[in-house]
Amino acid sequence: MTYRHGNEVRHVRMNQPHPAQVTPSWYGDSVGHYEGDTLVIDTVGIKIGPFAMVDMFGTPQSPALHVVERYRLVDYDEAKDAIERNAKENWRVSGGAVFDLNHRGKFLQLHFTVEDEGVFTMPWTATITYWPHLGEWTELICAENRRQYYAEKDTAVPEADKPDF
């Protein structure tokens, strides 16, 4: 997964188990699989610190932190309650994003569960429903992208005439 800001890349290995020994990292060790039309990502080994992947608000965590994300496309009828609640509770859109408020097609929905027996007495869940974005989606340089979009050119990267192996 390439995130839009911060030059961040998160790797999700598909159809593989977690290793026996996980080295903690900011995004943890993520493995994914499909259940029907839902992408399920299971993450463990999230490094303890002030800015872990769960949130930027300092929610407590321990080495037992376990996050399960479920991504799927939903129709407007299924997303309608979340859309109306968002309009009521979050009346302004940050970052200058532009959305078609009359969109009645598909929405990307993320439902996630957070478990951490070292901190919480029970798992907690939340759901985020994403709207399609209108207009230009600006490209930003990321760790795995050599394109300099501000200059409309590629960064010079050494290239071999033939493979080394």
Protein backbone atom coordinates (compact mmCIF):
# COMPACT_ATOMS: atom_id res chain seq x y z
CA MET A 1 0.00 0.00 0.00
CA THR A 2 1.37 3.39 -0.92
CA TYR A 3 0.10 6.23 1.20
CA ARG A 4 -0.47 9.63 -0.38
CA HIS A 5 1.61 11.63 2.09
CA GLY A 6 4.76 11.04 4.06
CA ASN A 7 6.57 8.79 1.55
CA GLU A 8 5.15 5.77 3.34
CA VAL A 9 4.87 2.27 1.93
CA ARG A 10 3.20 -0.62 3.72
CA HIS A 11 3.80 -4.15 2.51
CA VAL A 12 1.04 -6.75 2.84
CA ARG A 13 2.06 -10.29 1.96
CA MET A 14 -0.83 -12.19 0.42
CA ASN A 15 -1.84 -15.74 1.39
CA GLN A 16 1.06 -16.24 3.80
CA PRO A 17 1.24 -16.72 7.57
CA HIS A 18 3.02 -14.39 9.96
CA PRO A 19 6.61 -15.48 10.65
CA ALA A 20 7.30 -17.31 13.91
CA GLN A 21 9.41 -14.37 15.12
CA VAL A 22 8.11 -10.93 14.13
CA THR A 23 10.43 -7.93 14.33
CA PRO A 24 8.28 -4.99 15.50
CA SER A 25 7.95 -2.12 13.01
CA TRP A 26 5.74 0.98 12.65
CA TYR A 27 3.32 -0.82 10.32
CA GLY A 28 3.82 -4.24 11.87
CA ASP A 29 3.76 -7.49 9.95
CA SER A 30 0.74 -7.59 7.64
CA VAL A 31 -0.62 -10.61 5.83
CA GLY A 32 -3.72 -10.58 3.65
CA HIS A 33 -6.23 -12.84 1.97
CA TYR A 34 -9.61 -12.54 0.31
CA GLU A 35 -12.87 -13.70 1.81
CA GLY A 36 -15.19 -13.42 -1.17
CA ASP A 37 -15.01 -9.79 -2.30
CA THR A 38 -13.44 -8.57 0.97
CA LEU A 39 -9.70 -8.02 1.39
CA VAL A 40 -8.78 -9.05 4.95
CA ILE A 41 -5.46 -7.80 6.35
CA ASP A 42 -4.19 -9.18 9.67
CA THR A 43 -1.42 -7.18 11.38
CA VAL A 44 0.72 -8.01 14.42
CA GLY A 45 4.15 -6.83 15.60
CA ILE A 46 3.30 -3.14 15.60
CA LYS A 47 6.14 -1.20 17.20
CA ILE A 48 5.19 0.54 20.43
CA GLY A 49 5.55 4.29 20.15
CA PRO A 50 3.66 7.54 19.89
CA PHE A 51 2.76 7.22 16.19
CA ALA A 52 1.79 3.63 15.51
CA MET A 53 -0.49 2.73 12.62
CA VAL A 54 -3.62 2.58 14.80
CA ASP A 55 -3.85 6.35 15.20
CA MET A 56 -1.96 9.59 15.77
CA PHE A 57 -3.74 10.36 19.04
CA GLY A 58 -1.65 8.31 21.45
CA THR A 59 -4.10 5.46 22.00
CA PRO A 60 -2.35 3.11 24.46
CA GLN A 61 -0.89 -0.09 23.08
CA SER A 62 1.19 -3.06 24.13
CA PRO A 63 3.17 -5.72 22.24
CA ALA A 64 -0.09 -7.72 22.10
CA LEU A 65 -1.68 -5.19 19.68
CA HIS A 66 -3.50 -7.00 16.84
CA VAL A 67 -5.40 -5.23 14.04
CA VAL A 68 -7.68 -6.85 11.47
CA GLU A 69 -8.84 -4.70 8.53
CA ARG A 70 -11.62 -5.61 6.09
CA TYR A 71 -11.76 -3.64 2.82
CA ARG A 72 -14.69 -3.94 0.42
CA LEU A 73 -16.73 -1.98 -2.08
CA VAL A 74 -20.29 -1.25 -0.99
CA ASP A 75 -23.29 0.19 -2.81
CA TYR A 76 -24.77 3.56 -1.89
CA ASP A 77 -27.71 1.97 -0.05
CA GLU A 78 -25.31 0.17 2.28
CA ALA A 79 -23.13 3.28 2.79
CA LYS A 80 -26.04 5.73 3.17
CA ASP A 81 -26.19 5.73 7.00
CA ALA A 82 -22.43 6.31 7.28
CA ILE A 83 -22.60 9.11 4.69
CA GLU A 84 -25.43 10.87 6.51
CA ARG A 85 -23.72 10.49 9.91
CA ASN A 86 -20.48 11.88 8.45
CA ALA A 87 -22.30 14.90 6.99
CA LYS A 88 -23.87 15.60 10.39
CA GLU A 89 -20.80 15.04 12.59
CA ASN A 90 -17.96 16.11 10.28
CA TRP A 91 -19.43 19.11 8.54
CA ARG A 92 -16.24 20.24 6.86
CA VAL A 93 -13.84 18.45 4.55
CA SER A 94 -10.14 18.92 5.21
CA GLY A 95 -7.35 19.17 2.70
CA GLY A 96 -9.40 20.71 -0.09
CA ALA A 97 -10.77 17.35 -1.19
CA VAL A 98 -13.69 17.50 -3.61
CA PHE A 99 -16.47 14.92 -3.52
CA ASP A 100 -19.65 14.42 -5.52
CA LEU A 101 -22.33 14.61 -2.84
CA ASN A 102 -24.81 13.08 -5.30
CA HIS A 103 -22.65 10.00 -6.00
CA ARG A 104 -24.77 6.84 -5.89
CA GLY A 105 -22.19 4.31 -7.07
CA LYS A 106 -19.66 2.29 -5.10
CA PHE A 107 -17.87 3.39 -1.92
CA LEU A 108 -14.78 1.85 -0.35
CA GLN A 109 -15.51 0.72 3.17
CA LEU A 110 -12.91 -0.25 5.77
CA HIS A 111 -14.07 -2.06 8.89
CA PHE A 112 -11.33 -2.72 11.41
CA THR A 113 -11.00 -4.48 14.75
CA VAL A 114 -8.37 -3.62 17.34
CA GLU A 115 -7.44 -6.16 20.00
CA ASP A 116 -4.85 -5.57 22.70
CA GLU A 117 -5.29 -7.66 25.83
CA GLY A 118 -2.43 -5.70 27.43
CA VAL A 119 -4.51 -2.49 27.28
CA PHE A 120 -8.19 -3.11 26.50
CA THR A 121 -10.67 -5.37 28.26
CA MET A 122 -12.32 -6.23 24.94
CA PRO A 123 -11.75 -5.65 21.20
CA TRP A 124 -13.09 -2.45 19.65
CA THR A 125 -14.17 -1.79 16.08
CA ALA A 126 -14.74 1.11 13.73
CA THR A 127 -15.82 1.60 10.12
CA ILE A 128 -14.61 4.22 7.65
CA THR A 129 -16.45 4.81 4.38
CA TYR A 130 -14.44 6.50 1.62
CA TRP A 131 -16.01 8.54 -1.19
CA PRO A 132 -14.66 8.61 -4.73
CA HIS A 133 -12.55 11.74 -5.17
CA LEU A 134 -13.34 14.24 -7.92
CA GLY A 135 -10.80 16.20 -9.86
CA GLU A 136 -7.09 15.67 -10.11
CA TRP A 137 -5.46 13.38 -7.59
CA THR A 138 -2.04 14.88 -7.12
CA GLU A 139 0.89 12.49 -7.34
CA LEU A 140 3.51 12.77 -4.64
CA ILE A 141 6.96 11.26 -4.54
CA CYS A 142 7.07 8.12 -2.44
CA ALA A 143 9.79 5.73 -1.38
CA GLU A 144 9.19 3.40 -4.33
CA ASN A 145 8.52 6.02 -7.00
CA ARG A 146 11.35 7.65 -8.95
CA ARG A 147 9.09 10.13 -10.73
CA GLN A 148 9.60 13.83 -9.87
CA TYR A 149 6.09 15.06 -10.62
CA TYR A 150 6.96 18.64 -9.70
CA ALA A 151 9.60 18.62 -12.47
CA GLU A 152 7.85 16.20 -14.87
CA LYS A 153 10.88 13.90 -15.09
CA ASP A 154 12.28 10.69 -13.64
CA THR A 155 15.12 10.70 -11.13
CA ALA A 156 18.31 9.27 -12.54
CA VAL A 157 18.73 5.74 -11.23
CA PRO A 158 21.74 3.55 -12.07
CA GLU A 159 20.89 0.93 -14.67
CA ALA A 160 22.88 -2.15 -15.70
CA ASP A 161 23.35 -3.13 -19.35
CA LYS A 162 22.94 -6.76 -18.30
CA PRO A 163 21.90 -8.50 -15.08
CA ASP A 164 24.57 -9.24 -12.49
CA PHE A 165 23.35 -12.78 -12.06
